[in-house]
């Protein structure tokens, strides 16, 4: 059994922290949405991560249709 599996099944708590989203990717997403939709930085950062990624995908679809 791996150490991770052991800690899960044994109920052991770890002192780990939050796994963060890469800041470069976050900046790219915010800049991309802001550039296309002219939304404010705060509005974009207040979106749920999956929602923000969905908007990036939708903008990409629009851009692909324009090519």
PDB file of N, CA and C in Angstrom:
ATOM      1  N   UNK A   1       0.858  -1.166   0.000  1.00  0.00           N
ATOM      2  CA  UNK A   1       0.000   0.000   0.000  1.00  0.00           C
ATOM      3  C   UNK A   1       0.913   1.241   0.000  1.00  0.00           C
ATOM      4  N   UNK A   2       0.579   2.198  -0.878  1.00  0.00           N
ATOM      5  CA  UNK A   2       1.396   3.404  -0.957  1.00  0.00           C
ATOM      6  C   UNK A   2       1.180   4.269   0.284  1.00  0.00           C
ATOM      7  N   UNK A   3       2.112   5.168   0.543  1.00  0.00           N
ATOM      8  CA  UNK A   3       1.938   6.068   1.702  1.00  0.00           C
ATOM      9  C   UNK A   3       0.651   6.882   1.625  1.00  0.00           C
ATOM     10  N   UNK A   4       0.267   7.309   0.405  1.00  0.00           N
ATOM     11  CA  UNK A   4      -0.965   8.087   0.261  1.00  0.00           C
ATOM     12  C   UNK A   4      -2.181   7.226   0.585  1.00  0.00           C
ATOM     13  N   UNK A   5      -2.209   6.013   0.037  1.00  0.00           N
ATOM     14  CA  UNK A   5      -3.329   5.117   0.331  1.00  0.00           C
ATOM     15  C   UNK A   5      -3.392   4.823   1.822  1.00  0.00           C
ATOM     16  N   UNK A   6      -2.232   4.586   2.434  1.00  0.00           N
ATOM     17  CA  UNK A   6      -2.199   4.294   3.861  1.00  0.00           C
ATOM     18  C   UNK A   6      -2.787   5.450   4.658  1.00  0.00           C
ATOM     19  N   UNK A   7      -2.391   6.677   4.309  1.00  0.00           N
ATOM     20  CA  UNK A   7      -2.881   7.823   5.080  1.00  0.00           C
ATOM     21  C   UNK A   7      -4.371   8.017   4.908  1.00  0.00           C
ATOM     22  N   UNK A   8      -4.884   7.700   3.714  1.00  0.00           N
ATOM     23  CA  UNK A   8      -6.321   7.839   3.464  1.00  0.00           C
ATOM     24  C   UNK A   8      -7.100   6.793   4.256  1.00  0.00           C
ATOM     25  N   UNK A   9      -6.667   5.538   4.136  1.00  0.00           N
ATOM     26  CA  UNK A   9      -7.415   4.461   4.770  1.00  0.00           C
ATOM     27  C   UNK A   9      -7.225   4.419   6.283  1.00  0.00           C
ATOM     28  N   UNK A  10      -6.117   4.932   6.769  1.00  0.00           N
ATOM     29  CA  UNK A  10      -5.892   4.901   8.214  1.00  0.00           C
ATOM     30  C   UNK A  10      -6.506   6.111   8.910  1.00  0.00           C
ATOM     31  N   UNK A  11      -6.954   7.070   8.114  1.00  0.00           N
ATOM     32  CA  UNK A  11      -7.535   8.260   8.705  1.00  0.00           C
ATOM     33  C   UNK A  11      -6.506   9.247   9.198  1.00  0.00           C
ATOM     34  N   UNK A  12      -5.244   8.988   8.852  1.00  0.00           N
ATOM     35  CA  UNK A  12      -4.176   9.882   9.295  1.00  0.00           C
ATOM     36  C   UNK A  12      -4.344  11.246   8.647  1.00  0.00           C
ATOM     37  N   UNK A  13      -4.050  12.217   9.399  1.00  0.00           N
ATOM     38  CA  UNK A  13      -4.113  13.583   8.879  1.00  0.00           C
ATOM     39  C   UNK A  13      -2.693  14.041   8.582  1.00  0.00           C
ATOM     40  N   UNK A  14      -2.565  14.750   7.508  1.00  0.00           N
ATOM     41  CA  UNK A  14      -1.251  15.270   7.154  1.00  0.00           C
ATOM     42  C   UNK A  14      -1.256  16.780   7.339  1.00  0.00           C
ATOM     43  N   UNK A  15      -0.103  17.336   7.358  1.00  0.00           N
ATOM     44  CA  UNK A  15      -0.009  18.783   7.509  1.00  0.00           C
ATOM     45  C   UNK A  15       0.065  19.472   6.158  1.00  0.00           C
ATOM     46  N   UNK A  16      -0.336  18.800   5.120  1.00  0.00           N
ATOM     47  CA  UNK A  16      -0.259  19.345   3.767  1.00  0.00           C
ATOM     48  C   UNK A  16      -1.077  20.608   3.627  1.00  0.00           C
ATOM     49  N   UNK A  17      -0.840  21.307   2.558  1.00  0.00           N
ATOM     50  CA  UNK A  17      -1.552  22.546   2.331  1.00  0.00           C
ATOM     51  C   UNK A  17      -2.420  22.453   1.109  1.00  0.00           C
ATOM     52  N   UNK A  18      -2.859  23.571   0.675  1.00  0.00           N
ATOM     53  CA  UNK A  18      -3.707  23.654  -0.495  1.00  0.00           C
ATOM     54  C   UNK A  18      -2.837  23.518  -1.737  1.00  0.00           C
ATOM     55  N   UNK A  19      -3.289  22.691  -2.626  1.00  0.00           N
ATOM     56  CA  UNK A  19      -2.597  22.578  -3.900  1.00  0.00           C
ATOM     57  C   UNK A  19      -3.054  23.752  -4.738  1.00  0.00           C
ATOM     58  N   UNK A  20      -2.113  24.596  -5.114  1.00  0.00           N
ATOM     59  CA  UNK A  20      -2.497  25.813  -5.812  1.00  0.00           C
ATOM     60  C   UNK A  20      -2.505  25.618  -7.320  1.00  0.00           C
ATOM     61  N   UNK A  21      -3.261  26.460  -7.955  1.00  0.00           N
ATOM     62  CA  UNK A  21      -3.337  26.483  -9.400  1.00  0.00           C
ATOM     63  C   UNK A  21      -2.138  27.271  -9.899  1.00  0.00           C
ATOM     64  N   UNK A  22      -1.481  26.842 -10.958  1.00  0.00           N
ATOM     65  CA  UNK A  22      -0.296  27.567 -11.424  1.00  0.00           C
ATOM     66  C   UNK A  22      -0.619  29.032 -11.726  1.00  0.00           C
ATOM     67  N   UNK A  23       0.145  29.932 -11.130  1.00  0.00           N
ATOM     68  CA  UNK A  23      -0.161  31.351 -11.287  1.00  0.00           C
ATOM     69  C   UNK A  23      -0.014  31.819 -12.734  1.00  0.00           C
ATOM     70  N   UNK A  24       0.929  31.260 -13.474  1.00  0.00           N
ATOM     71  CA  UNK A  24       1.060  31.653 -14.883  1.00  0.00           C
ATOM     72  C   UNK A  24      -0.214  31.324 -15.652  1.00  0.00           C
ATOM     73  N   UNK A  25      -0.785  30.179 -15.384  1.00  0.00           N
ATOM     74  CA  UNK A  25      -2.014  29.779 -16.064  1.00  0.00           C
ATOM     75  C   UNK A  25      -3.170  30.671 -15.656  1.00  0.00           C
ATOM     76  N   UNK A  26      -3.232  30.998 -14.374  1.00  0.00           N
ATOM     77  CA  UNK A  26      -4.291  31.887 -13.895  1.00  0.00           C
ATOM     78  C   UNK A  26      -4.196  33.254 -14.577  1.00  0.00           C
ATOM     79  N   UNK A  27      -2.988  33.804 -14.659  1.00  0.00           N
ATOM     80  CA  UNK A  27      -2.815  35.099 -15.335  1.00  0.00           C
ATOM     81  C   UNK A  27      -3.231  35.003 -16.799  1.00  0.00           C
ATOM     82  N   UNK A  28      -2.880  33.919 -17.458  1.00  0.00           N
ATOM     83  CA  UNK A  28      -3.249  33.742 -18.864  1.00  0.00           C
ATOM     84  C   UNK A  28      -4.765  33.710 -19.032  1.00  0.00           C
ATOM     85  N   UNK A  29      -5.430  32.980 -18.154  1.00  0.00           N
ATOM     86  CA  UNK A  29      -6.889  32.888 -18.245  1.00  0.00           C
ATOM     87  C   UNK A  29      -7.546  34.240 -18.008  1.00  0.00           C
ATOM     88  N   UNK A  30      -7.076  34.949 -16.981  1.00  0.00           N
ATOM     89  CA  UNK A  30      -7.656  36.263 -16.678  1.00  0.00           C
ATOM     90  C   UNK A  30      -7.422  37.222 -17.838  1.00  0.00           C
ATOM     91  N   UNK A  31      -6.210  37.259 -18.356  1.00  0.00           N
ATOM     92  CA  UNK A  31      -5.897  38.161 -19.465  1.00  0.00           C
ATOM     93  C   UNK A  31      -6.711  37.808 -20.707  1.00  0.00           C
ATOM     94  N   UNK A  32      -6.862  36.523 -20.960  1.00  0.00           N
ATOM     95  CA  UNK A  32      -7.598  36.059 -22.134  1.00  0.00           C
ATOM     96  C   UNK A  32      -9.063  36.478 -22.067  1.00  0.00           C
ATOM     97  N   UNK A  33      -9.690  36.234 -20.938  1.00  0.00           N
ATOM     98  CA  UNK A  33     -11.104  36.597 -20.784  1.00  0.00           C
ATOM     99  C   UNK A  33     -11.268  38.116 -20.777  1.00  0.00           C
ATOM    100  N   UNK A  34     -10.392  38.806 -20.071  1.00  0.00           N
ATOM    101  CA  UNK A  34     -10.486  40.273 -20.010  1.00  0.00           C
ATOM    102  C   UNK A  34     -10.310  40.875 -21.400  1.00  0.00           C
ATOM    103  N   UNK A  35      -9.402  40.347 -22.172  1.00  0.00           N
ATOM    104  CA  UNK A  35      -9.150  40.862 -23.515  1.00  0.00           C
ATOM    105  C   UNK A  35     -10.386  40.710 -24.405  1.00  0.00           C
ATOM    106  N   UNK A  36     -11.047  39.565 -24.299  1.00  0.00           N
ATOM    107  CA  UNK A  36     -12.174  39.281 -25.189  1.00  0.00           C
ATOM    108  C   UNK A  36     -13.499  39.840 -24.686  1.00  0.00           C
ATOM    109  N   UNK A  37     -13.717  39.792 -23.391  1.00  0.00           N
ATOM    110  CA  UNK A  37     -15.018  40.205 -22.857  1.00  0.00           C
ATOM    111  C   UNK A  37     -14.970  41.551 -22.135  1.00  0.00           C
ATOM    112  N   UNK A  38     -13.793  42.058 -21.890  1.00  0.00           N
ATOM    113  CA  UNK A  38     -13.629  43.342 -21.192  1.00  0.00           C
ATOM    114  C   UNK A  38     -14.198  43.301 -19.783  1.00  0.00           C
ATOM    115  N   UNK A  39     -14.153  42.129 -19.169  1.00  0.00           N
ATOM    116  CA  UNK A  39     -14.570  41.998 -17.768  1.00  0.00           C
ATOM    117  C   UNK A  39     -13.413  42.441 -16.889  1.00  0.00           C
ATOM    118  N   UNK A  40     -13.735  42.882 -15.692  1.00  0.00           N
ATOM    119  CA  UNK A  40     -12.686  43.325 -14.772  1.00  0.00           C
ATOM    120  C   UNK A  40     -11.935  42.127 -14.208  1.00  0.00           C
ATOM    121  N   UNK A  41     -10.735  42.396 -13.741  1.00  0.00           N
ATOM    122  CA  UNK A  41      -9.908  41.355 -13.128  1.00  0.00           C
ATOM    123  C   UNK A  41     -10.640  40.711 -11.953  1.00  0.00           C
ATOM    124  N   UNK A  42     -11.247  41.538 -11.108  1.00  0.00           N
ATOM    125  CA  UNK A  42     -11.951  40.992  -9.944  1.00  0.00           C
ATOM    126  C   UNK A  42     -13.133  40.127 -10.343  1.00  0.00           C
ATOM    127  N   UNK A  43     -13.882  40.556 -11.370  1.00  0.00           N
ATOM    128  CA  UNK A  43     -15.009  39.742 -11.821  1.00  0.00           C
ATOM    129  C   UNK A  43     -14.526  38.371 -12.294  1.00  0.00           C
ATOM    130  N   UNK A  44     -13.429  38.360 -13.011  1.00  0.00           N
ATOM    131  CA  UNK A  44     -12.917  37.085 -13.541  1.00  0.00           C
ATOM    132  C   UNK A  44     -12.368  36.220 -12.415  1.00  0.00           C
ATOM    133  N   UNK A  45     -11.636  36.833 -11.489  1.00  0.00           N
ATOM    134  CA  UNK A  45     -11.071  36.059 -10.384  1.00  0.00           C
ATOM    135  C   UNK A  45     -12.150  35.535  -9.443  1.00  0.00           C
ATOM    136  N   UNK A  46     -13.302  36.187  -9.423  1.00  0.00           N
ATOM    137  CA  UNK A  46     -14.387  35.710  -8.564  1.00  0.00           C
ATOM    138  C   UNK A  46     -15.151  34.535  -9.162  1.00  0.00           C
ATOM    139  N   UNK A  47     -14.870  34.208 -10.413  1.00  0.00           N
ATOM    140  CA  UNK A  47     -15.500  33.043 -11.025  1.00  0.00           C
ATOM    141  C   UNK A  47     -14.931  31.766 -10.411  1.00  0.00           C
ATOM    142  N   UNK A  48     -15.760  30.742 -10.327  1.00  0.00           N
ATOM    143  CA  UNK A  48     -15.257  29.429  -9.931  1.00  0.00           C
ATOM    144  C   UNK A  48     -14.247  28.987 -10.977  1.00  0.00           C
ATOM    145  N   UNK A  49     -13.284  28.210 -10.548  1.00  0.00           N
ATOM    146  CA  UNK A  49     -12.227  27.762 -11.451  1.00  0.00           C
ATOM    147  C   UNK A  49     -12.799  27.077 -12.701  1.00  0.00           C
ATOM    148  N   UNK A  50     -13.747  26.187 -12.492  1.00  0.00           N
ATOM    149  CA  UNK A  50     -14.311  25.471 -13.639  1.00  0.00           C
ATOM    150  C   UNK A  50     -15.099  26.403 -14.557  1.00  0.00           C
ATOM    151  N   UNK A  51     -15.738  27.391 -13.984  1.00  0.00           N
ATOM    152  CA  UNK A  51     -16.480  28.356 -14.793  1.00  0.00           C
ATOM    153  C   UNK A  51     -15.520  29.196 -15.627  1.00  0.00           C
ATOM    154  N   UNK A  52     -14.424  29.622 -14.995  1.00  0.00           N
ATOM    155  CA  UNK A  52     -13.425  30.418 -15.724  1.00  0.00           C
ATOM    156  C   UNK A  52     -12.831  29.609 -16.874  1.00  0.00           C
ATOM    157  N   UNK A  53     -12.543  28.345 -16.627  1.00  0.00           N
ATOM    158  CA  UNK A  53     -12.005  27.497 -17.686  1.00  0.00           C
ATOM    159  C   UNK A  53     -13.033  27.288 -18.788  1.00  0.00           C
ATOM    160  N   UNK A  54     -14.289  27.209 -18.409  1.00  0.00           N
ATOM    161  CA  UNK A  54     -15.349  27.041 -19.403  1.00  0.00           C
ATOM    162  C   UNK A  54     -15.406  28.252 -20.327  1.00  0.00           C
ATOM    163  N   UNK A  55     -15.300  29.458 -19.751  1.00  0.00           N
ATOM    164  CA  UNK A  55     -15.304  30.669 -20.582  1.00  0.00           C
ATOM    165  C   UNK A  55     -14.097  30.710 -21.507  1.00  0.00           C
ATOM    166  N   UNK A  56     -12.961  30.288 -21.023  1.00  0.00           N
ATOM    167  CA  UNK A  56     -11.769  30.222 -21.885  1.00  0.00           C
ATOM    168  C   UNK A  56     -12.038  29.279 -23.053  1.00  0.00           C
ATOM    169  N   UNK A  57     -12.650  28.147 -22.767  1.00  0.00           N
ATOM    170  CA  UNK A  57     -12.987  27.199 -23.825  1.00  0.00           C
ATOM    171  C   UNK A  57     -13.973  27.769 -24.827  1.00  0.00           C
ATOM    172  N   UNK A  58     -14.972  28.486 -24.323  1.00  0.00           N
ATOM    173  CA  UNK A  58     -15.972  29.072 -25.216  1.00  0.00           C
ATOM    174  C   UNK A  58     -15.347  30.145 -26.113  1.00  0.00           C
ATOM    175  N   UNK A  59     -14.468  30.952 -25.557  1.00  0.00           N
ATOM    176  CA  UNK A  59     -13.780  31.966 -26.373  1.00  0.00           C
ATOM    177  C   UNK A  59     -12.924  31.283 -27.431  1.00  0.00           C
ATOM    178  N   UNK A  60     -12.254  30.213 -27.038  1.00  0.00           N
ATOM    179  CA  UNK A  60     -11.453  29.469 -28.017  1.00  0.00           C
ATOM    180  C   UNK A  60     -12.315  28.949 -29.168  1.00  0.00           C
ATOM    181  N   UNK A  61     -13.504  28.458 -28.843  1.00  0.00           N
ATOM    182  CA  UNK A  61     -14.417  27.973 -29.888  1.00  0.00           C
ATOM    183  C   UNK A  61     -14.780  29.093 -30.854  1.00  0.00           C
ATOM    184  N   UNK A  62     -15.091  30.251 -30.305  1.00  0.00           N
ATOM    185  CA  UNK A  62     -15.437  31.408 -31.143  1.00  0.00           C
ATOM    186  C   UNK A  62     -14.259  31.762 -32.044  1.00  0.00           C
ATOM    187  N   UNK A  63     -13.062  31.793 -31.451  1.00  0.00           N
ATOM    188  CA  UNK A  63     -11.880  32.139 -32.242  1.00  0.00           C
ATOM    189  C   UNK A  63     -11.619  31.126 -33.335  1.00  0.00           C
ATOM    190  N   UNK A  64     -11.862  29.866 -33.060  1.00  0.00           N
ATOM    191  CA  UNK A  64     -11.648  28.825 -34.080  1.00  0.00           C
ATOM    192  C   UNK A  64     -12.611  28.996 -35.247  1.00  0.00           C
ATOM    193  N   UNK A  65     -13.841  29.412 -34.951  1.00  0.00           N
ATOM    194  CA  UNK A  65     -14.823  29.619 -36.018  1.00  0.00           C
ATOM    195  C   UNK A  65     -14.448  30.799 -36.906  1.00  0.00           C
ATOM    196  N   UNK A  66     -13.729  31.759 -36.339  1.00  0.00           N
ATOM    197  CA  UNK A  66     -13.364  32.947 -37.090  1.00  0.00           C
ATOM    198  C   UNK A  66     -12.163  32.724 -38.005  1.00  0.00           C
ATOM    199  N   UNK A  67     -11.424  31.654 -37.754  1.00  0.00           N
ATOM    200  CA  UNK A  67     -10.230  31.395 -38.570  1.00  0.00           C
ATOM    201  C   UNK A  67     -10.632  30.796 -39.896  1.00  0.00           C
TER     202      UNK A  67
END
